[in-house]
C-alpha atoms as a PDB file:
ATOM      1  CA  LYS A   1      14.061   6.115  -8.482  1.00  0.00           C
ATOM      2  CA  GLU A   2      10.433   6.438  -9.495  1.00  0.00           C
ATOM      3  CA  ILE A   3       8.157   3.875 -11.114  1.00  0.00           C
ATOM      4  CA  GLU A   4       6.516   4.796 -14.416  1.00  0.00           C
ATOM      5  CA  PHE A   5       3.011   5.220 -12.991  1.00  0.00           C
ATOM      6  CA  GLY A   6       4.041   6.408  -9.521  1.00  0.00           C
ATOM      7  CA  ALA A   7       1.499   9.219  -9.341  1.00  0.00           C
ATOM      8  CA  THR A   8      -1.325   6.885 -10.339  1.00  0.00           C
ATOM      9  CA  VAL A   9      -0.296   4.274  -7.748  1.00  0.00           C
ATOM     10  CA  LEU A  10      -0.048   6.921  -5.000  1.00  0.00           C
ATOM     11  CA  GLU A  11      -3.427   8.405  -5.907  1.00  0.00           C
ATOM     12  CA  GLY A  12      -4.967   4.927  -5.792  1.00  0.00           C
ATOM     13  CA  ILE A  13      -3.519   4.293  -2.345  1.00  0.00           C
ATOM     14  CA  LEU A  14      -4.713   7.696  -1.136  1.00  0.00           C
ATOM     15  CA  HIS A  15      -8.339   6.780  -1.874  1.00  0.00           C
ATOM     16  CA  ALA A  16      -8.218   4.618   1.273  1.00  0.00           C
ATOM     17  CA  ASP A  17      -9.158   6.091   4.654  1.00  0.00           C
ATOM     18  CA  ILE A  18      -6.169   4.469   6.383  1.00  0.00           C
ATOM     19  CA  VAL A  19      -2.842   3.414   4.866  1.00  0.00           C
ATOM     20  CA  GLY A  20      -0.788   1.108   7.072  1.00  0.00           C
ATOM     21  CA  PHE A  21       2.865   0.147   6.956  1.00  0.00           C
ATOM     22  CA  HIS A  22       4.927  -2.400   8.868  1.00  0.00           C
ATOM     23  CA  GLY A  23       7.513   0.120   9.952  1.00  0.00           C
ATOM     24  CA  PHE A  24       8.318   3.805  10.118  1.00  0.00           C
ATOM     25  CA  THR A  25      10.841   3.588   7.261  1.00  0.00           C
ATOM     26  CA  ASP A  26       8.128   2.349   4.880  1.00  0.00           C
ATOM     27  CA  ALA A  27       5.742   5.077   6.014  1.00  0.00           C
ATOM     28  CA  ARG A  28       8.493   7.685   5.652  1.00  0.00           C
ATOM     29  CA  HIS A  29       9.147   6.586   2.055  1.00  0.00           C
ATOM     30  CA  PHE A  30       5.425   6.797   1.308  1.00  0.00           C
ATOM     31  CA  LEU A  31       5.175  10.292   2.810  1.00  0.00           C
ATOM     32  CA  SER A  32       8.250  11.539   0.952  1.00  0.00           C
ATOM     33  CA  SER A  33       6.910  10.085  -2.322  1.00  0.00           C
ATOM     34  CA  ALA A  34       3.541  11.761  -1.765  1.00  0.00           C
ATOM     35  CA  LYS A  35       5.343  15.067  -1.259  1.00  0.00           C
ATOM     36  CA  ARG A  36       7.832  14.686  -4.125  1.00  0.00           C
ATOM     37  CA  ILE A  37       5.457  13.260  -6.729  1.00  0.00           C
ATOM     38  CA  LEU A  38       2.080  14.775  -5.762  1.00  0.00           C
ATOM     39  CA  GLY A  39       3.156  17.830  -3.744  1.00  0.00           C
ATOM     40  CA  LEU A  40       1.284  16.646  -0.637  1.00  0.00           C
ATOM     41  CA  SER A  41       2.457  17.271   2.911  1.00  0.00           C
ATOM     42  CA  HIS A  42       1.589  15.453   6.107  1.00  0.00           C
ATOM     43  CA  ASP A  43       0.440  16.615   9.536  1.00  0.00           C
ATOM     44  CA  SER A  44       0.701  15.162  13.018  1.00  0.00           C
ATOM     45  CA  LEU A  45      -2.646  13.949  14.329  1.00  0.00           C
ATOM     46  CA  GLU A  46      -3.883  13.088  17.816  1.00  0.00           C
ATOM     47  CA  GLY A  47      -2.504   9.866  19.196  1.00  0.00           C
ATOM     48  CA  GLY A  48       0.804  10.119  17.358  1.00  0.00           C
ATOM     49  CA  LEU A  49      -0.665   9.334  13.949  1.00  0.00           C
ATOM     50  CA  LEU A  50       0.171  11.069  10.700  1.00  0.00           C
ATOM     51  CA  GLY A  51      -2.300  12.356   8.126  1.00  0.00           C
ATOM     52  CA  VAL A  52      -2.002  13.329   4.467  1.00  0.00           C
ATOM     53  CA  LYS A  53      -4.495  15.848   3.095  1.00  0.00           C
ATOM     54  CA  TYR A  54      -5.832  14.543  -0.218  1.00  0.00           C
ATOM     55  CA  LYS A  55      -8.824  15.896  -2.131  1.00  0.00           C
ATOM     56  CA  GLY A  56     -10.338  17.615   0.900  1.00  0.00           C
ATOM     57  CA  ARG A  57      -9.969  14.760   3.369  1.00  0.00           C
ATOM     58  CA  THR A  58      -7.301  13.344   5.655  1.00  0.00           C
ATOM     59  CA  VAL A  59      -5.821   9.929   4.927  1.00  0.00           C
ATOM     60  CA  VAL A  60      -4.396   8.435   8.126  1.00  0.00           C
ATOM     61  CA  VAL A  61      -0.948   6.834   7.856  1.00  0.00           C
ATOM     62  CA  THR A  62      -0.213   4.173  10.470  1.00  0.00           C
ATOM     63  CA  MET A  63       2.743   1.989  11.390  1.00  0.00           C
ATOM     64  CA  SER A  64       2.432  -1.415  13.011  1.00  0.00           C
ATOM     65  CA  SER A  65       5.269  -3.888  13.375  1.00  0.00           C
ATOM     66  CA  VAL A  66       3.597  -7.153  12.503  1.00  0.00           C
ATOM     67  CA  SER A  67       5.597 -10.108  11.338  1.00  0.00           C
ATOM     68  CA  VAL A  68       4.700 -12.207   8.351  1.00  0.00           C
ATOM     69  CA  GLU A  69       5.958 -15.769   8.460  1.00  0.00           C
ATOM     70  CA  PRO A  70       7.481 -16.539   5.021  1.00  0.00           C
ATOM     71  CA  GLU A  71       7.015 -20.294   5.500  1.00  0.00           C
ATOM     72  CA  MET A  72       3.284 -19.805   6.048  1.00  0.00           C
ATOM     73  CA  VAL A  73       2.976 -17.588   2.980  1.00  0.00           C
ATOM     74  CA  ASP A  74       4.910 -20.123   0.882  1.00  0.00           C
ATOM     75  CA  ALA A  75       2.604 -22.918   2.084  1.00  0.00           C
ATOM     76  CA  VAL A  76      -0.549 -20.959   1.257  1.00  0.00           C
ATOM     77  CA  MET A  77       0.781 -20.164  -2.223  1.00  0.00           C
ATOM     78  CA  ASP A  78       0.549 -23.905  -3.029  1.00  0.00           C
ATOM     79  CA  PHE A  79      -3.121 -24.247  -2.010  1.00  0.00           C
ATOM     80  CA  PRO A  80      -5.404 -25.108  -4.947  1.00  0.00           C
ATOM     81  CA  THR A  81      -7.724 -22.211  -4.015  1.00  0.00           C
ATOM     82  CA  THR A  82      -4.772 -19.784  -4.091  1.00  0.00           C
ATOM     83  CA  ILE A  83      -3.605 -21.070  -7.473  1.00  0.00           C
ATOM     84  CA  SER A  84      -7.100 -20.896  -9.003  1.00  0.00           C
ATOM     85  CA  GLY A  85      -7.738 -17.475  -7.445  1.00  0.00           C
ATOM     86  CA  ALA A  86      -4.484 -16.124  -8.860  1.00  0.00           C
ATOM     87  CA  ALA A  87      -5.314 -17.527 -12.300  1.00  0.00           C
ATOM     88  CA  GLU A  88      -8.755 -15.905 -12.149  1.00  0.00           C
ATOM     89  CA  LEU A  89      -7.270 -12.515 -11.247  1.00  0.00           C
ATOM     90  CA  LYS A  90      -4.644 -12.772 -14.006  1.00  0.00           C
ATOM     91  CA  SER A  91      -7.343 -13.624 -16.539  1.00  0.00           C
ATOM     92  CA  LYS A  92      -9.687 -10.872 -15.354  1.00  0.00           C
ATOM     93  CA  HIS A  93      -6.929  -8.237 -15.449  1.00  0.00           C
ATOM     94  CA  SER A  94      -5.006  -9.513 -18.468  1.00  0.00           C
ATOM     95  CA  GLY A  95      -2.313  -7.107 -19.633  1.00  0.00           C
ATOM     96  CA  ARG A  96      -2.248  -5.206 -16.336  1.00  0.00           C
ATOM     97  CA  ALA A  97       0.185  -5.290 -13.450  1.00  0.00           C
ATOM     98  CA  ILE A  98      -1.342  -6.529 -10.192  1.00  0.00           C
ATOM     99  CA  ILE A  99       0.036  -5.163  -6.925  1.00  0.00           C
ATOM    100  CA  ALA A 100      -0.861  -7.181  -3.844  1.00  0.00           C
ATOM    101  CA  GLY A 101       0.091  -7.291  -0.189  1.00  0.00           C
ATOM    102  CA  VAL A 102      -0.023  -9.657   2.723  1.00  0.00           C
ATOM    103  CA  ASP A 103      -2.336  -8.488   5.466  1.00  0.00           C
END
């Protein structure tokens, strides 16, 4: 299944120098989407990394198993600064979908 603006989302992600995922499965889905939607292939790089050629440069794809503690995220979501920051972003980007991640 493909999201409505999948190509646009992928192209936005591919403007980064490095794209990191928590596990190989997530990276594999990203690589297969890049191939299926944008026609891009990936290469093996030194050190066991993967790279996607995009607009004349190589975007490095990494995998790193890092845990995120849901209880900590839930607690931070209730901070006044988090609530006001979220409201500011929603106001600034009214009518748009906001995609965010935990880093």
